[in-house]
Amino acid sequence: MTVEDLPPEAQVAIGYALPEHRGAFTALLAFDRNLARSVAGASEAIVGQLRLAWWRDALAADADVLPRGNPLLDELAIGFGEQRQQLGALVDGWEAVLLAEPIDRSAIESLRSGREAGWQALATALDTGESDAAVRLAAGRWALADLISGLPQEDREPDIIAEAQASLGQPASLPRALRPLAVLDALARRSLAAGSAPLLAGRGSAMVALRAGLFGR
């Protein structure tokens, strides 16, 4: 999966990554997208679970016995090193979504937690020195805004949206190395404030992304 295969907001965010970190950011967002497609495209839950189980096992494997021939797994190994094992939480989050019929609060919370863990693993791998709290706050807002904006209105959890909107006044101070996450967080805050609109809806979203990309907020 290339940058061009990612959602527009992810492509924009990756554009603000430091050149030496761009591969790691692309790998994380491509992995998340890959899991989402595995869940959405599963004809039966067991089929999706088998695909997710392969990833869980592959990520947990020692470096000298990693499965070969999967370009995305190779990119995760390069970008994350041993921190790739922490991405199992992201697999768990998508499995919760797979098994929820319909998607419920528990599944949404599981995916948010898994996505937060994925971003924290990346921050650790890049040695940004950023606190868990700041990374998880920004990642959690993006996780919710991205998921909820793609759900039918009847499947949206009003309580979760309200809780996310209550956090909009809390800044997430992120270092330059995590600028792509700052861009996604800024777009997520705008989305949540607008009632979970698409992250790049309207001309104003481009200005929000530009400001966050340049100044980190």
N, C-alpha and C. Protein backbone atom coordinates (compact mmCIF):
# COMPACT_ATOMS: atom_id res chain seq x y z
N MET A 1 0.85 -1.19 0.00
CA MET A 1 0.00 0.00 0.00
C MET A 1 0.89 1.25 0.00
N THR A 2 0.62 2.19 -0.89
CA THR A 2 1.40 3.41 -0.99
C THR A 2 0.64 4.57 -0.34
N VAL A 3 1.31 5.71 -0.26
CA VAL A 3 0.67 6.91 0.30
C VAL A 3 -0.60 7.23 -0.47
N GLU A 4 -0.58 7.02 -1.78
CA GLU A 4 -1.73 7.35 -2.62
C GLU A 4 -2.95 6.49 -2.31
N ASP A 5 -2.75 5.35 -1.65
CA ASP A 5 -3.87 4.48 -1.30
C ASP A 5 -4.54 4.89 0.01
N LEU A 6 -3.96 5.84 0.71
CA LEU A 6 -4.49 6.24 2.01
C LEU A 6 -5.56 7.32 1.86
N PRO A 7 -6.39 7.51 2.89
CA PRO A 7 -7.39 8.58 2.85
C PRO A 7 -6.71 9.94 2.65
N PRO A 8 -7.41 10.90 2.07
CA PRO A 8 -6.80 12.21 1.78
C PRO A 8 -6.17 12.88 2.99
N GLU A 9 -6.84 12.81 4.16
CA GLU A 9 -6.28 13.47 5.34
C GLU A 9 -4.97 12.83 5.79
N ALA A 10 -4.86 11.51 5.58
CA ALA A 10 -3.61 10.82 5.92
C ALA A 10 -2.49 11.24 4.97
N GLN A 11 -2.82 11.38 3.70
CA GLN A 11 -1.83 11.82 2.73
C GLN A 11 -1.32 13.22 3.07
N VAL A 12 -2.25 14.09 3.44
CA VAL A 12 -1.87 15.45 3.83
C VAL A 12 -0.97 15.42 5.05
N ALA A 13 -1.35 14.65 6.06
CA ALA A 13 -0.58 14.59 7.30
C ALA A 13 0.83 14.08 7.07
N ILE A 14 0.97 13.02 6.26
CA ILE A 14 2.29 12.44 6.01
C ILE A 14 3.19 13.45 5.30
N GLY A 15 2.60 14.35 4.54
CA GLY A 15 3.39 15.37 3.86
C GLY A 15 4.17 16.26 4.80
N TYR A 16 3.78 16.32 6.07
CA TYR A 16 4.46 17.16 7.05
C TYR A 16 5.44 16.37 7.93
N ALA A 17 5.65 15.09 7.61
CA ALA A 17 6.60 14.29 8.36
C ALA A 17 8.03 14.67 7.98
N LEU A 18 8.94 14.52 8.93
CA LEU A 18 10.35 14.66 8.60
C LEU A 18 10.71 13.57 7.59
N PRO A 19 11.56 13.88 6.62
CA PRO A 19 11.86 12.90 5.57
C PRO A 19 12.30 11.54 6.11
N GLU A 20 13.10 11.54 7.16
CA GLU A 20 13.60 10.27 7.69
C GLU A 20 12.54 9.47 8.43
N HIS A 21 11.39 10.11 8.74
CA HIS A 21 10.33 9.42 9.47
C HIS A 21 9.12 9.10 8.59
N ARG A 22 9.14 9.53 7.36
CA ARG A 22 7.94 9.41 6.51
C ARG A 22 7.54 7.95 6.31
N GLY A 23 8.52 7.08 6.17
CA GLY A 23 8.22 5.67 5.97
C GLY A 23 7.49 5.06 7.15
N ALA A 24 7.89 5.44 8.37
CA ALA A 24 7.25 4.89 9.57
C ALA A 24 5.81 5.37 9.70
N PHE A 25 5.57 6.66 9.43
CA PHE A 25 4.20 7.18 9.49
C PHE A 25 3.32 6.51 8.42
N THR A 26 3.88 6.36 7.23
CA THR A 26 3.13 5.73 6.16
C THR A 26 2.79 4.29 6.52
N ALA A 27 3.76 3.58 7.12
CA ALA A 27 3.53 2.19 7.50
C ALA A 27 2.41 2.07 8.53
N LEU A 28 2.41 2.95 9.54
CA LEU A 28 1.37 2.88 10.56
C LEU A 28 -0.01 3.13 9.97
N LEU A 29 -0.15 4.18 9.20
CA LEU A 29 -1.46 4.50 8.64
C LEU A 29 -1.89 3.48 7.59
N ALA A 30 -0.93 2.94 6.85
CA ALA A 30 -1.26 1.89 5.88
C ALA A 30 -1.68 0.61 6.60
N PHE A 31 -1.04 0.31 7.71
CA PHE A 31 -1.41 -0.87 8.48
C PHE A 31 -2.83 -0.72 9.03
N ASP A 32 -3.13 0.43 9.59
CA ASP A 32 -4.47 0.68 10.10
C ASP A 32 -5.50 0.53 8.98
N ARG A 33 -5.19 1.07 7.81
CA ARG A 33 -6.09 0.98 6.67
C ARG A 33 -6.26 -0.47 6.22
N ASN A 34 -5.16 -1.22 6.23
CA ASN A 34 -5.20 -2.62 5.85
C ASN A 34 -6.12 -3.41 6.77
N LEU A 35 -6.02 -3.16 8.08
CA LEU A 35 -6.88 -3.85 9.03
C LEU A 35 -8.34 -3.47 8.82
N ALA A 36 -8.59 -2.19 8.56
CA ALA A 36 -9.96 -1.73 8.33
C ALA A 36 -10.56 -2.44 7.12
N ARG A 37 -9.78 -2.60 6.08
CA ARG A 37 -10.28 -3.28 4.88
C ARG A 37 -10.49 -4.76 5.13
N SER A 38 -9.64 -5.36 5.94
CA SER A 38 -9.82 -6.78 6.27
C SER A 38 -11.13 -7.00 7.01
N VAL A 39 -11.47 -6.06 7.90
CA VAL A 39 -12.71 -6.15 8.66
C VAL A 39 -13.91 -5.90 7.74
N ALA A 40 -13.83 -4.84 6.94
CA ALA A 40 -14.96 -4.48 6.08
C ALA A 40 -15.21 -5.51 4.99
N GLY A 41 -14.14 -6.16 4.53
CA GLY A 41 -14.28 -7.08 3.42
C GLY A 41 -14.49 -8.53 3.80
N ALA A 42 -14.57 -8.81 5.11
CA ALA A 42 -14.73 -10.19 5.56
C ALA A 42 -16.16 -10.67 5.30
N SER A 43 -16.30 -11.74 4.55
CA SER A 43 -17.63 -12.29 4.27
C SER A 43 -18.24 -12.92 5.52
N GLU A 44 -17.39 -13.42 6.40
CA GLU A 44 -17.81 -13.97 7.68
C GLU A 44 -16.81 -13.55 8.73
N ALA A 45 -17.26 -13.47 9.98
CA ALA A 45 -16.38 -13.02 11.06
C ALA A 45 -15.13 -13.88 11.16
N ILE A 46 -15.28 -15.18 10.98
CA ILE A 46 -14.14 -16.08 11.14
C ILE A 46 -13.07 -15.80 10.10
N VAL A 47 -13.49 -15.39 8.90
CA VAL A 47 -12.52 -15.05 7.84
C VAL A 47 -11.70 -13.83 8.26
N GLY A 48 -12.40 -12.82 8.77
CA GLY A 48 -11.70 -11.64 9.24
C GLY A 48 -10.78 -11.95 10.41
N GLN A 49 -11.23 -12.80 11.32
CA GLN A 49 -10.41 -13.16 12.48
C GLN A 49 -9.13 -13.88 12.06
N LEU A 50 -9.23 -14.74 11.04
CA LEU A 50 -8.04 -15.44 10.57
C LEU A 50 -7.02 -14.46 9.99
N ARG A 51 -7.50 -13.47 9.25
CA ARG A 51 -6.59 -12.47 8.71
C ARG A 51 -5.93 -11.66 9.83
N LEU A 52 -6.72 -11.28 10.81
CA LEU A 52 -6.19 -10.51 11.94
C LEU A 52 -5.22 -11.35 12.76
N ALA A 53 -5.51 -12.64 12.91
CA ALA A 53 -4.63 -13.53 13.67
C ALA A 53 -3.26 -13.63 13.01
N TRP A 54 -3.25 -13.64 11.68
CA TRP A 54 -1.95 -13.70 10.98
C TRP A 54 -1.11 -12.49 11.34
N TRP A 55 -1.73 -11.32 11.34
CA TRP A 55 -1.00 -10.10 11.68
C TRP A 55 -0.55 -10.12 13.14
N ARG A 56 -1.40 -10.57 14.02
CA ARG A 56 -1.04 -10.61 15.44
C ARG A 56 0.18 -11.50 15.66
N ASP A 57 0.19 -12.66 15.02
CA ASP A 57 1.31 -13.58 15.16
C ASP A 57 2.58 -13.03 14.51
N ALA A 58 2.41 -12.42 13.33
CA ALA A 58 3.58 -11.89 12.61
C ALA A 58 4.24 -10.77 13.39
N LEU A 59 3.45 -9.90 13.98
CA LEU A 59 4.00 -8.78 14.73
C LEU A 59 4.71 -9.24 16.00
N ALA A 60 4.24 -10.33 16.58
CA ALA A 60 4.81 -10.82 17.83
C ALA A 60 6.08 -11.65 17.61
N ALA A 61 6.36 -12.02 16.37
CA ALA A 61 7.50 -12.90 16.07
C ALA A 61 8.82 -12.17 16.31
N ASP A 62 9.83 -12.92 16.68
CA ASP A 62 11.17 -12.36 16.81
C ASP A 62 11.67 -11.91 15.46
N ALA A 63 12.58 -10.95 15.47
CA ALA A 63 13.05 -10.35 14.23
C ALA A 63 13.65 -11.39 13.28
N ASP A 64 14.31 -12.40 13.83
CA ASP A 64 14.98 -13.37 12.95
C ASP A 64 14.04 -14.41 12.37
N VAL A 65 12.78 -14.41 12.79
CA VAL A 65 11.82 -15.37 12.23
C VAL A 65 10.57 -14.67 11.69
N LEU A 66 10.68 -13.38 11.40
CA LEU A 66 9.54 -12.67 10.82
C LEU A 66 9.17 -13.29 9.48
N PRO A 67 7.87 -13.40 9.19
CA PRO A 67 7.46 -13.88 7.87
C PRO A 67 8.03 -12.98 6.77
N ARG A 68 8.44 -13.57 5.68
CA ARG A 68 9.02 -12.81 4.59
C ARG A 68 8.03 -12.67 3.44
N GLY A 69 8.25 -11.62 2.65
CA GLY A 69 7.46 -11.46 1.44
C GLY A 69 6.26 -10.54 1.55
N ASN A 70 6.02 -9.97 2.76
CA ASN A 70 4.92 -9.03 2.92
C ASN A 70 5.52 -7.63 3.04
N PRO A 71 5.39 -6.79 2.02
CA PRO A 71 6.02 -5.47 2.03
C PRO A 71 5.61 -4.61 3.22
N LEU A 72 4.34 -4.67 3.60
CA LEU A 72 3.88 -3.84 4.71
C LEU A 72 4.51 -4.29 6.02
N LEU A 73 4.59 -5.59 6.24
CA LEU A 73 5.24 -6.09 7.45
C LEU A 73 6.71 -5.68 7.47
N ASP A 74 7.35 -5.72 6.30
CA ASP A 74 8.75 -5.28 6.22
C ASP A 74 8.88 -3.82 6.62
N GLU A 75 7.97 -2.98 6.14
CA GLU A 75 8.02 -1.55 6.48
C GLU A 75 7.78 -1.33 7.97
N LEU A 76 6.88 -2.09 8.55
CA LEU A 76 6.64 -1.97 9.99
C LEU A 76 7.88 -2.39 10.78
N ALA A 77 8.54 -3.44 10.33
CA ALA A 77 9.75 -3.89 11.02
C ALA A 77 10.84 -2.84 10.94
N ILE A 78 10.97 -2.17 9.79
CA ILE A 78 11.98 -1.13 9.63
C ILE A 78 11.63 0.09 10.48
N GLY A 79 10.39 0.55 10.40
CA GLY A 79 9.99 1.78 11.07
C GLY A 79 9.81 1.66 12.57
N PHE A 80 9.42 0.48 13.03
CA PHE A 80 9.07 0.31 14.44
C PHE A 80 10.08 -0.52 15.24
N GLY A 81 10.88 -1.32 14.57
CA GLY A 81 11.78 -2.19 15.31
C GLY A 81 10.99 -3.10 16.24
N GLU A 82 11.49 -3.26 17.45
CA GLU A 82 10.80 -4.13 18.40
C GLU A 82 9.44 -3.55 18.84
N GLN A 83 9.26 -2.26 18.65
CA GLN A 83 7.98 -1.65 19.01
C GLN A 83 6.82 -2.15 18.15
N ARG A 84 7.14 -2.83 17.04
CA ARG A 84 6.06 -3.37 16.20
C ARG A 84 5.18 -4.33 16.99
N GLN A 85 5.74 -4.98 18.02
CA GLN A 85 4.96 -5.92 18.81
C GLN A 85 3.81 -5.23 19.54
N GLN A 86 3.97 -3.92 19.81
CA GLN A 86 2.90 -3.18 20.48
C GLN A 86 1.70 -2.94 19.56
N LEU A 87 1.89 -3.16 18.27
CA LEU A 87 0.79 -2.96 17.33
C LEU A 87 -0.26 -4.05 17.41
N GLY A 88 0.00 -5.08 18.20
CA GLY A 88 -1.03 -6.10 18.43
C GLY A 88 -2.29 -5.50 19.02
N ALA A 89 -2.14 -4.41 19.80
CA ALA A 89 -3.31 -3.75 20.38
C ALA A 89 -4.19 -3.15 19.30
N LEU A 90 -3.59 -2.69 18.20
CA LEU A 90 -4.37 -2.15 17.09
C LEU A 90 -5.15 -3.27 16.40
N VAL A 91 -4.52 -4.43 16.27
CA VAL A 91 -5.22 -5.59 15.71
C VAL A 91 -6.41 -5.95 16.60
N ASP A 92 -6.21 -5.94 17.91
CA ASP A 92 -7.30 -6.25 18.85
C ASP A 92 -8.45 -5.27 18.70
N GLY A 93 -8.11 -3.99 18.51
CA GLY A 93 -9.15 -2.98 18.36
C GLY A 93 -10.02 -3.23 17.14
N TRP A 94 -9.39 -3.58 16.03
CA TRP A 94 -10.17 -3.86 14.82
C TRP A 94 -10.94 -5.16 14.94
N GLU A 95 -10.42 -6.11 15.69
CA GLU A 95 -11.17 -7.34 15.90
C GLU A 95 -12.45 -7.07 16.69
N ALA A 96 -12.38 -6.15 17.65
CA ALA A 96 -13.57 -5.78 18.41
C ALA A 96 -14.64 -5.19 17.49
N VAL A 97 -14.20 -4.38 16.52
CA VAL A 97 -15.14 -3.81 15.55
C VAL A 97 -15.73 -4.92 14.69
N LEU A 98 -14.90 -5.86 14.27
CA LEU A 98 -15.35 -6.99 13.44
C LEU A 98 -16.46 -7.78 14.12
N LEU A 99 -16.31 -8.01 15.43
CA LEU A 99 -17.24 -8.89 16.14
C LEU A 99 -18.48 -8.17 16.66
N ALA A 100 -18.50 -6.85 16.58
CA ALA A 100 -19.64 -6.08 17.09
C ALA A 100 -20.72 -6.00 16.01
N GLU A 101 -21.94 -6.38 16.36
CA GLU A 101 -23.07 -6.31 15.43
C GLU A 101 -24.29 -5.73 16.14
N PRO A 102 -24.62 -4.47 15.92
CA PRO A 102 -23.83 -3.48 15.19
C PRO A 102 -22.69 -2.96 16.06
N ILE A 103 -21.89 -2.07 15.51
CA ILE A 103 -20.81 -1.49 16.28
C ILE A 103 -21.37 -0.77 17.50
N ASP A 104 -20.73 -0.99 18.65
CA ASP A 104 -21.24 -0.41 19.89
C ASP A 104 -20.13 0.34 20.62
N ARG A 105 -20.50 0.86 21.79
CA ARG A 105 -19.55 1.67 22.54
C ARG A 105 -18.28 0.89 22.88
N SER A 106 -18.44 -0.36 23.27
CA SER A 106 -17.29 -1.17 23.65
C SER A 106 -16.32 -1.32 22.48
N ALA A 107 -16.85 -1.59 21.29
CA ALA A 107 -15.99 -1.75 20.11
C ALA A 107 -15.29 -0.44 19.76
N ILE A 108 -16.02 0.67 19.85
CA ILE A 108 -15.43 1.98 19.55
C ILE A 108 -14.30 2.29 20.53
N GLU A 109 -14.53 2.01 21.81
CA GLU A 109 -13.51 2.25 22.82
C GLU A 109 -12.29 1.35 22.58
N SER A 110 -12.52 0.11 22.17
CA SER A 110 -11.41 -0.81 21.92
C SER A 110 -10.56 -0.31 20.75
N LEU A 111 -11.22 0.16 19.70
CA LEU A 111 -10.46 0.66 18.56
C LEU A 111 -9.70 1.94 18.93
N ARG A 112 -10.34 2.80 19.69
CA ARG A 112 -9.63 4.01 20.12
C ARG A 112 -8.38 3.64 20.91
N SER A 113 -8.52 2.71 21.84
CA SER A 113 -7.38 2.29 22.65
C SER A 113 -6.28 1.67 21.78
N GLY A 114 -6.69 0.85 20.81
CA GLY A 114 -5.71 0.23 19.94
C GLY A 114 -4.98 1.24 19.07
N ARG A 115 -5.70 2.21 18.56
CA ARG A 115 -5.07 3.25 17.75
C ARG A 115 -4.15 4.12 18.60
N GLU A 116 -4.55 4.41 19.82
CA GLU A 116 -3.68 5.16 20.72
C GLU A 116 -2.38 4.40 20.95
N ALA A 117 -2.49 3.09 21.16
CA ALA A 117 -1.30 2.27 21.39
C ALA A 117 -0.39 2.27 20.16
N GLY A 118 -0.99 2.26 18.98
CA GLY A 118 -0.20 2.29 17.76
C GLY A 118 0.63 3.56 17.64
N TRP A 119 0.00 4.69 17.93
CA TRP A 119 0.72 5.96 17.85
C TRP A 119 1.77 6.07 18.95
N GLN A 120 1.47 5.54 20.13
CA GLN A 120 2.45 5.57 21.19
C GLN A 120 3.66 4.71 20.84
N ALA A 121 3.41 3.56 20.20
CA ALA A 121 4.51 2.71 19.75
C ALA A 121 5.38 3.45 18.75
N LEU A 122 4.76 4.21 17.85
CA LEU A 122 5.53 4.98 16.87
C LEU A 122 6.35 6.06 17.56
N ALA A 123 5.74 6.77 18.51
CA ALA A 123 6.47 7.82 19.23
C ALA A 123 7.68 7.23 19.95
N THR A 124 7.52 6.05 20.54
CA THR A 124 8.63 5.40 21.22
C THR A 124 9.69 4.97 20.22
N ALA A 125 9.26 4.40 19.10
CA ALA A 125 10.21 3.95 18.08
C ALA A 125 11.04 5.10 17.53
N LEU A 126 10.41 6.28 17.39
CA LEU A 126 11.11 7.45 16.87
C LEU A 126 11.87 8.19 17.95
N ASP A 127 11.70 7.74 19.21
CA ASP A 127 12.39 8.34 20.35
C ASP A 127 12.13 9.84 20.44
N THR A 128 10.84 10.20 20.37
CA THR A 128 10.49 11.62 20.42
C THR A 128 10.54 12.19 21.83
N GLY A 129 10.48 11.31 22.83
CA GLY A 129 10.49 11.78 24.21
C GLY A 129 9.18 12.38 24.65
N GLU A 130 8.14 12.24 23.84
CA GLU A 130 6.84 12.82 24.17
C GLU A 130 6.11 11.95 25.18
N SER A 131 5.33 12.59 26.04
CA SER A 131 4.60 11.87 27.07
C SER A 131 3.49 11.02 26.48
N ASP A 132 3.17 9.93 27.16
CA ASP A 132 2.07 9.08 26.73
C ASP A 132 0.77 9.87 26.65
N ALA A 133 0.55 10.75 27.63
CA ALA A 133 -0.73 11.46 27.72
C ALA A 133 -0.99 12.31 26.49
N ALA A 134 0.01 13.07 26.03
CA ALA A 134 -0.18 13.95 24.88
C ALA A 134 -0.43 13.15 23.61
N VAL A 135 0.34 12.08 23.42
CA VAL A 135 0.18 11.26 22.23
C VAL A 135 -1.19 10.60 22.23
N ARG A 136 -1.58 10.04 23.35
CA ARG A 136 -2.87 9.34 23.42
C ARG A 136 -4.04 10.30 23.28
N LEU A 137 -3.92 11.51 23.79
CA LEU A 137 -5.00 12.49 23.64
C LEU A 137 -5.23 12.80 22.17
N ALA A 138 -4.14 13.11 21.47
CA ALA A 138 -4.26 13.45 20.04
C ALA A 138 -4.71 12.24 19.23
N ALA A 139 -4.10 11.09 19.49
CA ALA A 139 -4.44 9.89 18.73
C ALA A 139 -5.87 9.45 19.01
N GLY A 140 -6.31 9.59 20.25
CA GLY A 140 -7.67 9.20 20.59
C GLY A 140 -8.72 10.05 19.91
N ARG A 141 -8.45 11.35 19.81
CA ARG A 141 -9.40 12.22 19.12
C ARG A 141 -9.47 11.88 17.64
N TRP A 142 -8.30 11.65 17.02
CA TRP A 142 -8.32 11.26 15.61
C TRP A 142 -9.04 9.93 15.44
N ALA A 143 -8.76 8.98 16.33
CA ALA A 143 -9.38 7.65 16.22
C ALA A 143 -10.89 7.75 16.22
N LEU A 144 -11.43 8.55 17.12
CA LEU A 144 -12.89 8.68 17.21
C LEU A 144 -13.46 9.44 16.02
N ALA A 145 -12.84 10.56 15.69
CA ALA A 145 -13.37 11.37 14.59
C ALA A 145 -13.35 10.59 13.28
N ASP A 146 -12.27 9.88 13.03
CA ASP A 146 -12.15 9.10 11.80
C ASP A 146 -13.20 8.00 11.74
N LEU A 147 -13.38 7.27 12.83
CA LEU A 147 -14.34 6.17 12.84
C LEU A 147 -15.78 6.68 12.76
N ILE A 148 -16.13 7.60 13.63
CA ILE A 148 -17.51 8.05 13.73
C ILE A 148 -17.96 8.77 12.46
N SER A 149 -17.07 9.53 11.84
CA SER A 149 -17.47 10.27 10.64
C SER A 149 -17.83 9.33 9.50
N GLY A 150 -17.35 8.08 9.55
CA GLY A 150 -17.66 7.12 8.51
C GLY A 150 -18.84 6.22 8.81
N LEU A 151 -19.45 6.39 9.99
CA LEU A 151 -20.58 5.56 10.38
C LEU A 151 -21.91 6.18 9.95
N PRO A 152 -22.90 5.36 9.66
CA PRO A 152 -24.24 5.90 9.44
C PRO A 152 -24.72 6.63 10.70
N GLN A 153 -25.57 7.60 10.53
CA GLN A 153 -26.03 8.41 11.66
C GLN A 153 -26.61 7.55 12.78
N GLU A 154 -27.33 6.49 12.42
CA GLU A 154 -28.00 5.68 13.44
C GLU A 154 -27.01 4.83 14.25
N ASP A 155 -25.78 4.66 13.75
CA ASP A 155 -24.80 3.86 14.48
C ASP A 155 -23.86 4.70 15.33
N ARG A 156 -24.02 5.99 15.29
CA ARG A 156 -23.15 6.86 16.07
C ARG A 156 -23.59 6.89 17.53
N GLU A 157 -22.59 6.89 18.41
CA GLU A 157 -22.86 6.90 19.85
C GLU A 157 -22.83 8.34 20.36
N PRO A 158 -23.98 8.93 20.65
CA PRO A 158 -24.01 10.34 21.08
C PRO A 158 -23.16 10.60 22.32
N ASP A 159 -23.14 9.66 23.25
CA ASP A 159 -22.37 9.88 24.47
C ASP A 159 -20.88 9.96 24.18
N ILE A 160 -20.40 9.11 23.30
CA ILE A 160 -18.98 9.12 22.96
C ILE A 160 -18.62 10.41 22.22
N ILE A 161 -19.48 10.84 21.32
CA ILE A 161 -19.24 12.10 20.61
C ILE A 161 -19.19 13.25 21.61
N ALA A 162 -20.11 13.26 22.56
CA ALA A 162 -20.15 14.32 23.56
C ALA A 162 -18.88 14.32 24.41
N GLU A 163 -18.41 13.13 24.79
CA GLU A 163 -17.19 13.04 25.58
C GLU A 163 -15.99 13.55 24.78
N ALA A 164 -15.94 13.18 23.50
CA ALA A 164 -14.84 13.64 22.66
C ALA A 164 -14.88 15.15 22.49
N GLN A 165 -16.08 15.69 22.31
CA GLN A 165 -16.21 17.14 22.16
C GLN A 165 -15.79 17.87 23.43
N ALA A 166 -15.98 17.22 24.57
CA ALA A 166 -15.58 17.84 25.84
C ALA A 166 -14.07 17.98 25.97
N SER A 167 -13.33 17.19 25.18
CA SER A 167 -11.86 17.25 25.26
C SER A 167 -11.25 18.25 24.28
N LEU A 168 -12.09 18.93 23.51
CA LEU A 168 -11.55 19.79 22.46
C LEU A 168 -10.74 20.95 22.99
N GLY A 169 -11.01 21.36 24.22
CA GLY A 169 -10.25 22.47 24.79
C GLY A 169 -8.92 22.06 25.38
N GLN A 170 -8.63 20.77 25.39
CA GLN A 170 -7.37 20.28 25.95
C GLN A 170 -6.32 20.19 24.84
N PRO A 171 -5.30 21.03 24.89
CA PRO A 171 -4.27 20.98 23.84
C PRO A 171 -3.41 19.73 23.97
N ALA A 172 -2.92 19.24 22.86
CA ALA A 172 -1.97 18.13 22.85
C ALA A 172 -0.66 18.68 22.29
N SER A 173 0.27 18.98 23.17
CA SER A 173 1.54 19.57 22.76
C SER A 173 2.45 18.46 22.24
N LEU A 174 2.69 18.46 20.93
CA LEU A 174 3.48 17.41 20.30
C LEU A 174 4.75 17.98 19.68
N PRO A 175 5.83 17.21 19.67
CA PRO A 175 7.09 17.69 19.09
C PRO A 175 7.03 17.69 17.57
N ARG A 176 8.01 18.34 16.96
CA ARG A 176 8.07 18.43 15.50
C ARG A 176 8.05 17.05 14.85
N ALA A 177 8.68 16.07 15.50
CA ALA A 177 8.75 14.73 14.92
C ALA A 177 7.39 14.08 14.77
N LEU A 178 6.40 14.55 15.54
CA LEU A 178 5.04 13.98 15.47
C LEU A 178 4.07 14.93 14.77
N ARG A 179 4.58 15.77 13.88
CA ARG A 179 3.72 16.75 13.22
C ARG A 179 2.57 16.10 12.45
N PRO A 180 2.74 14.94 11.80
CA PRO A 180 1.58 14.33 11.14
C PRO A 180 0.43 14.04 12.11
N LEU A 181 0.75 13.62 13.33
CA LEU A 181 -0.31 13.38 14.31
C LEU A 181 -0.96 14.69 14.71
N ALA A 182 -0.18 15.76 14.80
CA ALA A 182 -0.75 17.07 15.12
C ALA A 182 -1.74 17.50 14.04
N VAL A 183 -1.42 17.22 12.78
CA VAL A 183 -2.33 17.56 11.68
C VAL A 183 -3.62 16.76 11.80
N LEU A 184 -3.51 15.46 12.04
CA LEU A 184 -4.70 14.63 12.17
C LEU A 184 -5.54 15.05 13.38
N ASP A 185 -4.87 15.43 14.46
CA ASP A 185 -5.60 15.88 15.65
C ASP A 185 -6.36 17.18 15.36
N ALA A 186 -5.73 18.09 14.66
CA ALA A 186 -6.39 19.35 14.33
C ALA A 186 -7.62 19.11 13.45
N LEU A 187 -7.48 18.23 12.48
CA LEU A 187 -8.62 17.91 11.62
C LEU A 187 -9.70 17.18 12.41
N ALA A 188 -9.29 16.34 13.35
CA ALA A 188 -10.26 15.62 14.18
C ALA A 188 -11.03 16.58 15.07
N ARG A 189 -10.35 17.54 15.66
CA ARG A 189 -11.04 18.51 16.51
C ARG A 189 -12.07 19.30 15.71
N ARG A 190 -11.71 19.66 14.50
CA ARG A 190 -12.65 20.37 13.64
C ARG A 190 -13.84 19.49 13.31
N SER A 191 -13.57 18.23 13.00
CA SER A 191 -14.64 17.29 12.67
C SER A 191 -15.60 17.11 13.84
N LEU A 192 -15.05 16.88 15.01
CA LEU A 192 -15.88 16.65 16.19
C LEU A 192 -16.70 17.88 16.55
N ALA A 193 -16.08 19.04 16.42
CA ALA A 193 -16.80 20.29 16.72
C ALA A 193 -17.97 20.51 15.77
N ALA A 194 -17.84 19.94 14.56
CA ALA A 194 -18.90 20.08 13.55
C ALA A 194 -19.86 18.90 13.56
N GLY A 195 -19.86 18.11 14.63
CA GLY A 195 -20.77 16.98 14.71
C GLY A 195 -20.31 15.77 13.95
N SER A 196 -18.99 15.58 13.88
CA SER A 196 -18.37 14.42 13.22
C SER A 196 -18.52 14.45 11.71
N ALA A 197 -18.24 15.61 11.13
CA ALA A 197 -18.18 15.74 9.68
C ALA A 197 -16.92 15.04 9.18
N PRO A 198 -16.84 14.73 7.88
CA PRO A 198 -15.60 14.16 7.33
C PRO A 198 -14.40 15.04 7.65
N LEU A 199 -13.25 14.43 7.83
CA LEU A 199 -12.10 15.18 8.32
C LEU A 199 -11.63 16.27 7.35
N LEU A 200 -11.81 16.05 6.07
CA LEU A 200 -11.39 17.07 5.10
C LEU A 200 -12.58 17.70 4.39
N ALA A 201 -13.68 17.86 5.11
CA ALA A 201 -14.87 18.46 4.52
C ALA A 201 -14.73 19.98 4.47
N GLY A 202 -15.02 20.56 3.33
CA GLY A 202 -15.04 22.01 3.22
C GLY A 202 -13.67 22.62 3.05
N ARG A 203 -13.64 23.86 2.55
CA ARG A 203 -12.39 24.55 2.29
C ARG A 203 -11.63 24.84 3.58
N GLY A 204 -12.36 25.01 4.67
CA GLY A 204 -11.69 25.36 5.92
C GLY A 204 -10.76 24.28 6.42
N SER A 205 -11.03 23.03 6.06
CA SER A 205 -10.19 21.94 6.54
C SER A 205 -8.76 22.05 6.01
N ALA A 206 -8.61 22.54 4.79
CA ALA A 206 -7.27 22.69 4.23
C ALA A 206 -6.46 23.71 5.02
N MET A 207 -7.10 24.77 5.46
CA MET A 207 -6.40 25.78 6.25
C MET A 207 -6.04 25.24 7.63
N VAL A 208 -6.93 24.43 8.20
CA VAL A 208 -6.66 23.81 9.50
C VAL A 208 -5.43 22.90 9.39
N ALA A 209 -5.40 22.10 8.33
CA ALA A 209 -4.26 21.19 8.13
C ALA A 209 -2.97 21.97 7.90
N LEU A 210 -3.03 23.04 7.13
CA LEU A 210 -1.86 23.84 6.85
C LEU A 210 -1.31 24.48 8.12
N ARG A 211 -2.19 25.04 8.92
CA ARG A 211 -1.76 25.68 10.18
C ARG A 211 -1.11 24.67 11.11
N ALA A 212 -1.76 23.51 11.24
CA ALA A 212 -1.20 22.48 12.12
C ALA A 212 0.12 21.94 11.57
N GLY A 213 0.19 21.80 10.24
CA GLY A 213 1.41 21.30 9.64
C GLY A 213 2.59 22.23 9.82
N LEU A 214 2.31 23.53 9.80
CA LEU A 214 3.38 24.52 9.95
C LEU A 214 3.73 24.82 11.40
N PHE A 215 2.69 24.89 12.24
CA PHE A 215 2.90 25.35 13.60
C PHE A 215 2.60 24.30 14.67
N GLY A 216 2.04 23.17 14.27
CA GLY A 216 1.77 22.09 15.22
C GLY A 216 0.53 22.26 16.05
N ARG A 217 -0.38 23.15 15.62
CA ARG A 217 -1.62 23.35 16.40
C ARG A 217 -2.73 23.89 15.49
